[in-house]
Amino acid sequence: MEVVNTIGRRKTSIARIYLKSGNGNITINDKELKTYFPSEIMQTIVKQPLNLVGVAADFDVNVNLKGGGSKGQAEALRLAISRALCEVNPEHRPALKAEGFLTRDPRMVERKKYGRRKARRAFQFSKR
């Protein structure tokens, strides 16, 4: 099997992955998954699509991750892995789509506007 290259985004995080047949290693920015994401929850989020279709031990994933926080990075990686699994085997698509792993979450932080304290919060106003 050749290398499958896909991208996943979430908030300001970008995950570029290279999926190839192997024995289940996930390498993120030259670090192991457990080192990069010490939290069990983040590790679970990353592995969700692989476990759903039952191929967790069949592929090696090499990842370039940048931007955002840990949660956004984990969810960007989940989207990228889901897209790669669909390229490898189109039969995985209905199961991944039903779980919502193929949906790009468009929610971003709204920018701060001038003349305000935050994006929508105005300064305190008193009519005295």
C-alpha atoms as a PDB file:
ATOM      1  CA  MET A   1       0.000   0.000   0.000  1.00  0.00           C
ATOM      2  CA  GLU A   2       1.250   3.457  -0.875  1.00  0.00           C
ATOM      3  CA  VAL A   3       1.230   6.395   1.542  1.00  0.00           C
ATOM      4  CA  VAL A   4      -2.073   8.270   1.900  1.00  0.00           C
ATOM      5  CA  ASN A   5      -1.740  12.005   2.639  1.00  0.00           C
ATOM      6  CA  THR A   6      -4.667  14.004   4.107  1.00  0.00           C
ATOM      7  CA  ILE A   7      -5.293  17.159   6.122  1.00  0.00           C
ATOM      8  CA  GLY A   8      -7.604  17.984   9.017  1.00  0.00           C
ATOM      9  CA  ARG A   9      -8.401  21.347  10.588  1.00  0.00           C
ATOM     10  CA  ARG A  10     -10.137  22.505  13.763  1.00  0.00           C
ATOM     11  CA  LYS A  11     -10.147  26.093  15.102  1.00  0.00           C
ATOM     12  CA  THR A  12      -6.578  27.228  14.321  1.00  0.00           C
ATOM     13  CA  SER A  13      -5.015  23.739  14.358  1.00  0.00           C
ATOM     14  CA  ILE A  14      -3.789  22.032  11.204  1.00  0.00           C
ATOM     15  CA  ALA A  15      -2.941  18.316  11.071  1.00  0.00           C
ATOM     16  CA  ARG A  16      -1.172  16.922   7.993  1.00  0.00           C
ATOM     17  CA  ILE A  17      -0.922  13.128   8.145  1.00  0.00           C
ATOM     18  CA  TYR A  18       0.774  10.358   6.216  1.00  0.00           C
ATOM     19  CA  LEU A  19      -0.964   6.996   6.645  1.00  0.00           C
ATOM     20  CA  LYS A  20       0.827   3.807   5.592  1.00  0.00           C
ATOM     21  CA  SER A  21       0.487   0.139   6.423  1.00  0.00           C
ATOM     22  CA  GLY A  22       2.367  -0.816   9.562  1.00  0.00           C
ATOM     23  CA  ASN A  23       1.725  -1.929  13.126  1.00  0.00           C
ATOM     24  CA  GLY A  24      -0.233   0.892  14.789  1.00  0.00           C
ATOM     25  CA  ASN A  25       2.414   3.524  15.626  1.00  0.00           C
ATOM     26  CA  ILE A  26       1.246   7.135  15.795  1.00  0.00           C
ATOM     27  CA  THR A  27       4.071   9.698  15.598  1.00  0.00           C
ATOM     28  CA  ILE A  28       3.259  13.401  16.080  1.00  0.00           C
ATOM     29  CA  ASN A  29       6.006  15.960  15.333  1.00  0.00           C
ATOM     30  CA  ASP A  30       8.646  13.221  15.854  1.00  0.00           C
ATOM     31  CA  LYS A  31       7.174  12.297  19.267  1.00  0.00           C
ATOM     32  CA  GLU A  32       5.113   9.305  20.322  1.00  0.00           C
ATOM     33  CA  LEU A  33       1.355   9.757  20.855  1.00  0.00           C
ATOM     34  CA  LYS A  34       1.596   9.223  24.645  1.00  0.00           C
ATOM     35  CA  THR A  35       4.375  11.823  24.893  1.00  0.00           C
ATOM     36  CA  TYR A  36       2.650  14.461  22.753  1.00  0.00           C
ATOM     37  CA  PHE A  37      -0.826  13.963  24.304  1.00  0.00           C
ATOM     38  CA  PRO A  38      -0.274  12.846  27.938  1.00  0.00           C
ATOM     39  CA  SER A  39      -4.043  13.086  28.575  1.00  0.00           C
ATOM     40  CA  GLU A  40      -5.972   9.810  28.141  1.00  0.00           C
ATOM     41  CA  ILE A  41      -8.963  11.722  26.743  1.00  0.00           C
ATOM     42  CA  MET A  42      -6.912  13.304  23.936  1.00  0.00           C
ATOM     43  CA  GLN A  43      -5.367   9.921  23.068  1.00  0.00           C
ATOM     44  CA  THR A  44      -8.870   8.433  22.891  1.00  0.00           C
ATOM     45  CA  ILE A  45     -10.086  11.244  20.590  1.00  0.00           C
ATOM     46  CA  VAL A  46      -7.161  10.625  18.208  1.00  0.00           C
ATOM     47  CA  LYS A  47      -7.721   6.838  18.112  1.00  0.00           C
ATOM     48  CA  GLN A  48     -11.543   6.950  17.762  1.00  0.00           C
ATOM     49  CA  PRO A  49     -11.743   6.506  13.958  1.00  0.00           C
ATOM     50  CA  LEU A  50      -9.129   3.721  13.924  1.00  0.00           C
ATOM     51  CA  ASN A  51     -10.923   1.823  16.698  1.00  0.00           C
ATOM     52  CA  LEU A  52     -14.359   2.362  15.125  1.00  0.00           C
ATOM     53  CA  VAL A  53     -13.421   0.601  11.883  1.00  0.00           C
ATOM     54  CA  GLY A  54     -11.145  -1.878  13.708  1.00  0.00           C
ATOM     55  CA  VAL A  55      -7.832  -1.127  11.991  1.00  0.00           C
ATOM     56  CA  ALA A  56      -5.902   0.383  14.921  1.00  0.00           C
ATOM     57  CA  ALA A  57      -3.031  -2.106  14.573  1.00  0.00           C
ATOM     58  CA  ASP A  58      -2.878  -2.105  10.742  1.00  0.00           C
ATOM     59  CA  PHE A  59      -1.607   1.408   9.968  1.00  0.00           C
ATOM     60  CA  ASP A  60       1.252   3.708  10.974  1.00  0.00           C
ATOM     61  CA  VAL A  61       0.362   7.397  11.181  1.00  0.00           C
ATOM     62  CA  ASN A  62       3.006  10.114  10.835  1.00  0.00           C
ATOM     63  CA  VAL A  63       1.662  13.591  11.697  1.00  0.00           C
ATOM     64  CA  ASN A  64       2.742  17.221  11.334  1.00  0.00           C
ATOM     65  CA  LEU A  65       0.645  19.227  13.804  1.00  0.00           C
ATOM     66  CA  LYS A  66       0.715  22.973  14.340  1.00  0.00           C
ATOM     67  CA  GLY A  67      -1.409  25.773  15.735  1.00  0.00           C
ATOM     68  CA  GLY A  68      -4.123  25.929  18.370  1.00  0.00           C
ATOM     69  CA  GLY A  69      -4.402  24.097  21.667  1.00  0.00           C
ATOM     70  CA  SER A  70      -4.347  20.431  22.559  1.00  0.00           C
ATOM     71  CA  LYS A  71      -8.101  19.833  22.127  1.00  0.00           C
ATOM     72  CA  GLY A  72      -8.198  21.515  18.719  1.00  0.00           C
ATOM     73  CA  GLN A  73      -5.112  19.594  17.612  1.00  0.00           C
ATOM     74  CA  ALA A  74      -6.587  16.268  18.728  1.00  0.00           C
ATOM     75  CA  GLU A  75      -9.836  16.921  16.856  1.00  0.00           C
ATOM     76  CA  ALA A  76      -7.983  18.098  13.729  1.00  0.00           C
ATOM     77  CA  LEU A  77      -5.981  14.869  13.834  1.00  0.00           C
ATOM     78  CA  ARG A  78      -9.176  12.813  14.239  1.00  0.00           C
ATOM     79  CA  LEU A  79     -10.636  14.432  11.094  1.00  0.00           C
ATOM     80  CA  ALA A  80      -7.439  13.829   9.097  1.00  0.00           C
ATOM     81  CA  ILE A  81      -7.283  10.151  10.121  1.00  0.00           C
ATOM     82  CA  SER A  82     -10.970   9.685   9.231  1.00  0.00           C
ATOM     83  CA  ARG A  83     -10.425  11.185   5.777  1.00  0.00           C
ATOM     84  CA  ALA A  84      -7.389   8.964   5.193  1.00  0.00           C
ATOM     85  CA  LEU A  85      -9.333   5.828   6.187  1.00  0.00           C
ATOM     86  CA  CYS A  86     -12.031   6.747   3.642  1.00  0.00           C
ATOM     87  CA  GLU A  87      -9.371   7.030   0.929  1.00  0.00           C
ATOM     88  CA  VAL A  88      -7.913   3.643   1.862  1.00  0.00           C
ATOM     89  CA  ASN A  89     -11.287   1.875   1.933  1.00  0.00           C
ATOM     90  CA  PRO A  90     -14.502   3.672   0.857  1.00  0.00           C
ATOM     91  CA  GLU A  91     -16.558   1.099   2.815  1.00  0.00           C
ATOM     92  CA  HIS A  92     -15.460   2.806   6.064  1.00  0.00           C
ATOM     93  CA  ARG A  93     -17.250   6.029   5.082  1.00  0.00           C
ATOM     94  CA  PRO A  94     -20.819   5.287   6.350  1.00  0.00           C
ATOM     95  CA  ALA A  95     -19.609   4.261   9.830  1.00  0.00           C
ATOM     96  CA  LEU A  96     -17.286   7.288  10.162  1.00  0.00           C
ATOM     97  CA  LYS A  97     -19.960   9.668   8.846  1.00  0.00           C
ATOM     98  CA  ALA A  98     -22.562   8.333  11.289  1.00  0.00           C
ATOM     99  CA  GLU A  99     -20.224   9.132  14.211  1.00  0.00           C
ATOM    100  CA  GLY A 100     -19.587  12.633  12.803  1.00  0.00           C
ATOM    101  CA  PHE A 101     -15.844  12.127  12.303  1.00  0.00           C
ATOM    102  CA  LEU A 102     -15.929  13.406   8.697  1.00  0.00           C
ATOM    103  CA  THR A 103     -17.554  16.738   9.580  1.00  0.00           C
ATOM    104  CA  ARG A 104     -15.266  19.779   9.605  1.00  0.00           C
ATOM    105  CA  ASP A 105     -16.262  21.844  12.644  1.00  0.00           C
ATOM    106  CA  PRO A 106     -16.303  25.450  11.339  1.00  0.00           C
ATOM    107  CA  ARG A 107     -16.502  27.183  14.729  1.00  0.00           C
ATOM    108  CA  MET A 108     -13.659  29.653  15.247  1.00  0.00           C
ATOM    109  CA  VAL A 109     -12.940  32.363  17.808  1.00  0.00           C
ATOM    110  CA  GLU A 110     -14.536  35.627  16.722  1.00  0.00           C
ATOM    111  CA  ARG A 111     -12.074  38.490  16.384  1.00  0.00           C
ATOM    112  CA  LYS A 112     -12.025  41.379  18.822  1.00  0.00           C
ATOM    113  CA  LYS A 113     -13.541  44.584  17.410  1.00  0.00           C
ATOM    114  CA  TYR A 114     -12.138  48.045  18.073  1.00  0.00           C
ATOM    115  CA  GLY A 115     -14.108  50.154  20.550  1.00  0.00           C
ATOM    116  CA  ARG A 116     -15.106  47.052  22.523  1.00  0.00           C
ATOM    117  CA  ARG A 117     -13.603  45.006  25.331  1.00  0.00           C
ATOM    118  CA  LYS A 118     -13.986  41.650  23.561  1.00  0.00           C
ATOM    119  CA  ALA A 119     -15.579  40.476  20.317  1.00  0.00           C
ATOM    120  CA  ARG A 120     -19.094  41.499  21.390  1.00  0.00           C
ATOM    121  CA  ARG A 121     -18.739  42.782  24.942  1.00  0.00           C
ATOM    122  CA  ALA A 122     -18.979  46.571  25.072  1.00  0.00           C
ATOM    123  CA  PHE A 123     -17.442  48.750  27.758  1.00  0.00           C
ATOM    124  CA  GLN A 124     -19.556  49.430  30.834  1.00  0.00           C
ATOM    125  CA  PHE A 125     -22.145  52.134  30.172  1.00  0.00           C
ATOM    126  CA  SER A 126     -23.796  54.422  32.696  1.00  0.00           C
ATOM    127  CA  LYS A 127     -26.286  57.139  31.755  1.00  0.00           C
ATOM    128  CA  ARG A 128     -25.420  59.523  34.618  1.00  0.00           C
END
